[in-house]
């Protein structure tokens, strides 16, 4: 791959509708030319307490159910639907993946054997889930580090080291907010993660919840080899993630510009490039003055 891998994170932006999910896959694959589409899987009975399940949605205007639990159930695809999503991804020539939020969901998605499974920032301290994936799944495990202290990050890395699977671990620099102001993106976290863990893990990526794509180009320049962005067909749709998502043309431009930046990130292979030689002959002033020393 001549550029970082781009993940279009659908999440629940499909609004619980398989037809919309299919169109999002098609758009990400055929129009934007992204590398992966990523969904999410939750077992709400395992993930939520009864109080959380029965509580009202914190933003009622974005709710798809009478309480938070019903809202989450409305947006949830079953494992057979995820298997169908994987088939649709193959049809359109794009990779499939999913975030998992609990052990049950991790087992279900692992049974589909995607190239990688993502651990969201909210769940990266679920040790039982991390251990399950390390021991029962052979693909790569991508972990976002939003809302995570340095000590917690070191503990996650230590767990994968102890389990002998650090070579399957990808850490993502991430700030958990929707959307995130540019001053809170903190791109130099990419550099820190590479310095701290670059020799033991597979890669360092960037998961962005900001507006626009300028920040993503800087992330690539700093060495992120995976870039994940929320994706939607319409940023005005009902749902809390749409406002921090890229629409199809934004995703297309991200993929295009990622290739441009990656192509430009190199040293000159000779002090004067071939493209410069003709200009040197025409423009370079060589008065014969010798520099001292």
Protein backbone atom coordinates (compact mmCIF):
# COMPACT_ATOMS: atom_id res chain seq x y z
CA UNK A 1 0.00 0.00 0.00
CA UNK A 2 1.47 3.35 -1.07
CA UNK A 3 -0.42 5.30 1.60
CA UNK A 4 -1.84 4.82 5.11
CA UNK A 5 -4.88 2.58 5.32
CA UNK A 6 -8.14 4.51 5.62
CA UNK A 7 -11.01 3.15 7.72
CA UNK A 8 -14.52 4.53 7.18
CA UNK A 9 -16.17 4.07 10.56
CA UNK A 10 -19.90 3.60 9.99
CA UNK A 11 -20.50 2.65 13.63
CA UNK A 12 -24.25 3.11 14.05
CA UNK A 13 -24.62 5.83 11.43
CA UNK A 14 -26.66 3.33 9.38
CA UNK A 15 -29.62 4.13 11.71
CA UNK A 16 -30.42 0.44 12.09
CA UNK A 17 -31.19 0.06 8.38
CA UNK A 18 -29.37 -2.59 6.33
CA UNK A 19 -30.19 -0.79 3.07
CA UNK A 20 -28.44 2.34 4.34
CA UNK A 21 -25.52 0.21 5.55
CA UNK A 22 -25.20 -1.31 2.08
CA UNK A 23 -25.19 2.12 0.44
CA UNK A 24 -22.55 3.33 2.89
CA UNK A 25 -20.35 0.35 2.01
CA UNK A 26 -20.82 1.02 -1.71
CA UNK A 27 -20.02 4.71 -1.33
CA UNK A 28 -16.93 4.14 0.83
CA UNK A 29 -15.63 1.50 -1.57
CA UNK A 30 -16.50 2.70 -5.05
CA UNK A 31 -16.63 6.47 -4.65
CA UNK A 32 -14.17 7.23 -1.85
CA UNK A 33 -11.82 4.24 -2.41
CA UNK A 34 -11.35 3.64 1.32
CA UNK A 35 -9.70 0.42 2.51
CA UNK A 36 -12.09 -0.71 5.25
CA UNK A 37 -15.59 -0.09 6.49
CA UNK A 38 -16.02 -0.56 10.24
CA UNK A 39 -19.28 -1.22 12.09
CA UNK A 40 -19.81 -1.92 15.80
CA UNK A 41 -21.26 -4.78 17.84
CA UNK A 42 -22.77 -4.60 21.33
CA UNK A 43 -24.58 -7.05 23.56
CA UNK A 44 -26.63 -4.52 25.46
CA UNK A 45 -27.76 -6.98 28.13
CA UNK A 46 -24.10 -7.56 29.00
CA UNK A 47 -22.86 -4.03 28.49
CA UNK A 48 -25.57 -2.01 30.27
CA UNK A 49 -26.83 -2.20 33.83
CA UNK A 50 -30.60 -2.23 34.28
CA UNK A 51 -30.44 1.40 35.39
CA UNK A 52 -28.47 2.38 32.28
CA UNK A 53 -30.78 0.36 30.03
CA UNK A 54 -33.94 1.96 31.47
CA UNK A 55 -32.57 5.51 31.61
CA UNK A 56 -33.70 8.10 29.06
CA UNK A 57 -31.35 8.91 26.20
CA UNK A 58 -29.15 11.86 27.28
CA UNK A 59 -30.06 13.65 24.03
CA UNK A 60 -33.71 12.72 23.34
CA UNK A 61 -33.74 14.33 19.91
CA UNK A 62 -31.25 11.70 18.73
CA UNK A 63 -32.97 8.70 20.35
CA UNK A 64 -34.36 5.78 18.35
CA UNK A 65 -36.16 4.25 21.35
CA UNK A 66 -38.21 5.00 24.45
CA UNK A 67 -35.13 4.66 26.69
CA UNK A 68 -31.40 4.29 26.19
CA UNK A 69 -31.52 0.50 26.06
CA UNK A 70 -34.28 0.44 23.44
CA UNK A 71 -32.36 3.06 21.48
CA UNK A 72 -29.27 0.85 21.45
CA UNK A 73 -31.30 -2.26 20.50
CA UNK A 74 -32.85 -0.42 17.56
CA UNK A 75 -29.40 0.36 16.16
CA UNK A 76 -27.95 -3.10 16.75
CA UNK A 77 -27.27 -5.57 13.96
CA UNK A 78 -27.15 -9.28 14.83
CA UNK A 79 -24.22 -11.52 14.00
CA UNK A 80 -25.98 -12.87 10.89
CA UNK A 81 -26.45 -9.31 9.66
CA UNK A 82 -22.75 -8.66 10.28
CA UNK A 83 -21.99 -11.76 8.23
CA UNK A 84 -24.12 -10.26 5.46
CA UNK A 85 -22.28 -6.93 5.80
CA UNK A 86 -19.01 -8.78 5.34
CA UNK A 87 -20.39 -10.37 2.18
CA UNK A 88 -21.47 -6.95 0.88
CA UNK A 89 -17.99 -5.61 1.59
CA UNK A 90 -16.47 -8.42 -0.47
CA UNK A 91 -18.95 -7.64 -3.26
CA UNK A 92 -17.76 -4.03 -3.42
CA UNK A 93 -14.07 -4.80 -2.87
CA UNK A 94 -13.52 -3.25 0.55
CA UNK A 95 -12.45 -4.75 3.86
CA UNK A 96 -14.94 -5.35 6.70
CA UNK A 97 -14.31 -4.80 10.39
CA UNK A 98 -16.19 -4.02 13.58
CA UNK A 99 -15.63 -2.52 16.99
CA UNK A 100 -16.69 -4.75 19.88
CA UNK A 101 -17.92 -3.51 23.24
CA UNK A 102 -18.15 -6.69 25.34
CA UNK A 103 -16.99 -10.30 25.48
CA UNK A 104 -20.12 -11.70 23.80
CA UNK A 105 -19.75 -9.32 20.87
CA UNK A 106 -16.01 -10.03 20.67
CA UNK A 107 -16.73 -13.76 20.34
CA UNK A 108 -19.41 -13.17 17.69
CA UNK A 109 -17.24 -10.92 15.53
CA UNK A 110 -14.17 -13.12 16.01
CA UNK A 111 -16.22 -16.00 14.58
CA UNK A 112 -16.39 -14.03 11.30
CA UNK A 113 -12.57 -13.76 11.23
CA UNK A 114 -12.17 -10.22 9.87
CA UNK A 115 -8.68 -8.83 9.22
CA UNK A 116 -8.86 -6.81 12.43
CA UNK A 117 -11.18 -6.12 15.34
CA UNK A 118 -11.30 -2.70 17.00
CA UNK A 119 -11.51 -1.98 20.73
CA UNK A 120 -13.09 1.44 21.33
CA UNK A 121 -11.63 3.82 23.89
CA UNK A 122 -14.59 3.21 26.21
CA UNK A 123 -13.78 -0.51 26.48
CA UNK A 124 -10.00 -0.74 26.34
CA UNK A 125 -9.78 -1.65 30.04
CA UNK A 126 -12.07 -4.66 29.66
CA UNK A 127 -9.25 -7.10 30.37
CA UNK A 128 -11.44 -10.17 29.94
CA UNK A 129 -12.37 -9.03 26.44
CA UNK A 130 -8.76 -8.23 25.49
CA UNK A 131 -7.63 -11.63 26.77
CA UNK A 132 -10.41 -13.39 24.89
CA UNK A 133 -9.41 -11.81 21.57
CA UNK A 134 -5.72 -12.43 22.16
CA UNK A 135 -6.38 -16.11 22.83
CA UNK A 136 -9.29 -16.94 20.49
CA UNK A 137 -8.79 -14.68 17.47
CA UNK A 138 -5.86 -14.67 15.04
CA UNK A 139 -6.28 -11.25 13.42
CA UNK A 140 -4.94 -7.88 14.47
CA UNK A 141 -6.39 -6.06 17.47
CA UNK A 142 -6.71 -2.29 17.13
CA UNK A 143 -7.10 -0.29 20.35
CA UNK A 144 -8.12 3.36 20.66
CA UNK A 145 -6.58 5.26 23.57
CA UNK A 146 -9.04 8.08 24.19
CA UNK A 147 -9.84 8.74 27.87
CA UNK A 148 -6.90 6.52 28.87
CA UNK A 149 -4.09 7.45 31.28
CA UNK A 150 -0.43 6.77 30.50
CA UNK A 151 -0.40 4.10 33.20
CA UNK A 152 -3.46 2.41 31.69
CA UNK A 153 -1.86 2.51 28.23
CA UNK A 154 1.25 0.86 29.63
CA UNK A 155 -0.91 -1.81 31.28
CA UNK A 156 -2.66 -2.60 27.99
CA UNK A 157 0.68 -2.90 26.20
CA UNK A 158 1.99 -5.05 29.07
CA UNK A 159 -0.98 -7.40 28.82
CA UNK A 160 -0.43 -7.99 25.10
CA UNK A 161 3.29 -8.45 25.77
CA UNK A 162 2.58 -11.03 28.46
CA UNK A 163 0.20 -12.88 26.14
CA UNK A 164 2.80 -12.89 23.36
CA UNK A 165 0.67 -11.02 20.83
CA UNK A 166 2.20 -7.52 20.76
CA UNK A 167 2.92 -8.03 17.07
CA UNK A 168 -0.86 -8.00 16.46
CA UNK A 169 -1.51 -4.79 18.43
CA UNK A 170 -2.21 -1.41 16.83
CA UNK A 171 -2.55 1.63 19.11
CA UNK A 172 -4.58 4.62 17.96
CA UNK A 173 -4.00 8.15 19.17
CA UNK A 174 -7.51 9.45 19.93
CA UNK A 175 -9.36 12.19 21.77
CA UNK A 176 -12.88 11.15 22.74
CA UNK A 177 -15.23 14.01 21.85
CA UNK A 178 -17.86 14.63 19.13
CA UNK A 179 -16.64 16.79 17.51
CA UNK A 180 -13.19 17.54 18.96
CA UNK A 181 -11.80 21.10 18.72
CA UNK A 182 -8.50 21.13 16.85
CA UNK A 183 -6.58 22.27 19.93
CA UNK A 184 -7.68 19.06 21.70
CA UNK A 185 -6.62 16.65 18.94
CA UNK A 186 -3.06 16.56 20.34
CA UNK A 187 -1.37 15.05 17.30
CA UNK A 188 2.02 14.72 18.97
CA UNK A 189 0.55 11.77 20.87
CA UNK A 190 1.30 9.85 17.67
CA UNK A 191 4.99 10.64 18.10
CA UNK A 192 4.90 9.67 21.77
CA UNK A 193 3.20 6.34 21.04
CA UNK A 194 5.76 5.55 18.34
CA UNK A 195 8.61 6.37 20.72
CA UNK A 196 7.13 4.37 23.60
CA UNK A 197 5.74 1.34 21.78
CA UNK A 198 6.89 1.46 18.16
CA UNK A 199 9.45 -1.30 18.62
CA UNK A 200 7.01 -3.82 20.12
CA UNK A 201 3.58 -3.26 18.53
CA UNK A 202 2.54 -3.62 14.91
CA UNK A 203 1.62 -0.01 14.14
CA UNK A 204 0.37 3.34 15.41
CA UNK A 205 -2.79 4.84 13.95
CA UNK A 206 -4.98 7.91 14.37
CA UNK A 207 -8.70 7.95 15.13
CA UNK A 208 -10.08 11.44 14.56
CA UNK A 209 -13.36 13.02 15.65
CA UNK A 210 -12.53 16.52 14.43
CA UNK A 211 -13.90 18.56 11.53
CA UNK A 212 -12.23 18.62 8.12
CA UNK A 213 -9.25 16.59 6.92
CA UNK A 214 -6.26 18.91 7.42
CA UNK A 215 -5.45 17.28 10.78
CA UNK A 216 -5.40 13.83 9.20
CA UNK A 217 -2.67 14.90 6.78
CA UNK A 218 -0.52 16.03 9.70
CA UNK A 219 -1.20 12.69 11.43
CA UNK A 220 0.13 10.90 8.36
CA UNK A 221 3.20 13.15 8.28
CA UNK A 222 3.85 12.19 11.91
CA UNK A 223 3.80 8.50 11.03
CA UNK A 224 0.24 7.21 11.50
CA UNK A 225 -0.19 4.23 9.20
CA UNK A 226 -3.92 3.83 9.89
CA UNK A 227 -6.42 6.70 9.79
CA UNK A 228 -9.97 6.10 11.03
CA UNK A 229 -12.78 8.62 10.55
CA UNK A 230 -16.50 8.41 11.26
CA UNK A 231 -18.46 8.20 8.01
CA UNK A 232 -22.02 9.18 7.12
CA UNK A 233 -24.11 9.85 4.04
CA UNK A 234 -25.57 13.00 5.59
CA UNK A 235 -24.11 14.96 8.53
CA UNK A 236 -27.57 16.38 9.34
CA UNK A 237 -29.11 12.95 10.03
CA UNK A 238 -30.51 11.99 13.42
CA UNK A 239 -27.81 10.51 15.65
CA UNK A 240 -25.00 11.93 17.78
CA UNK A 241 -22.05 10.79 15.60
CA UNK A 242 -23.08 12.35 12.29
CA UNK A 243 -21.84 15.86 13.09
CA UNK A 244 -18.28 14.57 13.61
CA UNK A 245 -18.38 12.37 10.49
CA UNK A 246 -17.15 12.78 6.92
CA UNK A 247 -19.64 12.63 4.08
CA UNK A 248 -18.68 10.70 0.92
CA UNK A 249 -16.82 13.56 -0.78
CA UNK A 250 -14.90 14.33 2.41
CA UNK A 251 -13.86 10.69 2.69
CA UNK A 252 -12.86 10.67 -0.99
CA UNK A 253 -10.65 13.72 -0.47
CA UNK A 254 -9.11 12.14 2.64
CA UNK A 255 -8.12 9.04 0.69
CA UNK A 256 -6.82 11.14 -2.23
CA UNK A 257 -4.78 13.51 -0.06
CA UNK A 258 -3.40 10.69 2.09
CA UNK A 259 -1.82 9.26 -1.04
CA UNK A 260 -0.38 12.64 -2.02
CA UNK A 261 1.14 13.24 1.42
CA UNK A 262 2.60 9.75 1.64
CA UNK A 263 4.16 10.10 -1.82
CA UNK A 264 5.81 13.38 -0.78
CA UNK A 265 7.21 12.05 2.52
CA UNK A 266 10.73 11.15 1.47
CA UNK A 267 14.25 12.50 1.33
CA UNK A 268 15.88 13.49 -1.92
CA UNK A 269 17.73 10.47 -3.33
CA UNK A 270 20.35 12.81 -4.78
CA UNK A 271 21.23 16.40 -3.81
CA UNK A 272 19.96 17.71 -7.13
CA UNK A 273 16.99 15.80 -8.50
CA UNK A 274 16.57 15.06 -12.19
CA UNK A 275 13.57 17.40 -12.30
CA UNK A 276 15.87 20.19 -11.04
CA UNK A 277 18.74 19.62 -13.45
CA UNK A 278 17.30 21.60 -16.35
CA UNK A 279 16.31 24.44 -14.03
CA UNK A 280 19.77 24.44 -12.48
CA UNK A 281 21.26 24.85 -15.92
CA UNK A 282 18.96 27.77 -16.72
CA UNK A 283 18.61 29.54 -13.38
CA UNK A 284 21.42 28.68 -10.98
CA UNK A 285 23.95 31.52 -10.67
CA UNK A 286 27.47 30.09 -10.41
CA UNK A 287 29.84 33.10 -10.26
CA UNK A 288 32.85 31.03 -9.35
CA UNK A 289 33.08 32.43 -5.84
CA UNK A 290 34.58 29.94 -3.41
CA UNK A 291 33.02 29.65 0.04
CA UNK A 292 35.49 30.04 2.89
CA UNK A 293 36.56 26.88 4.67
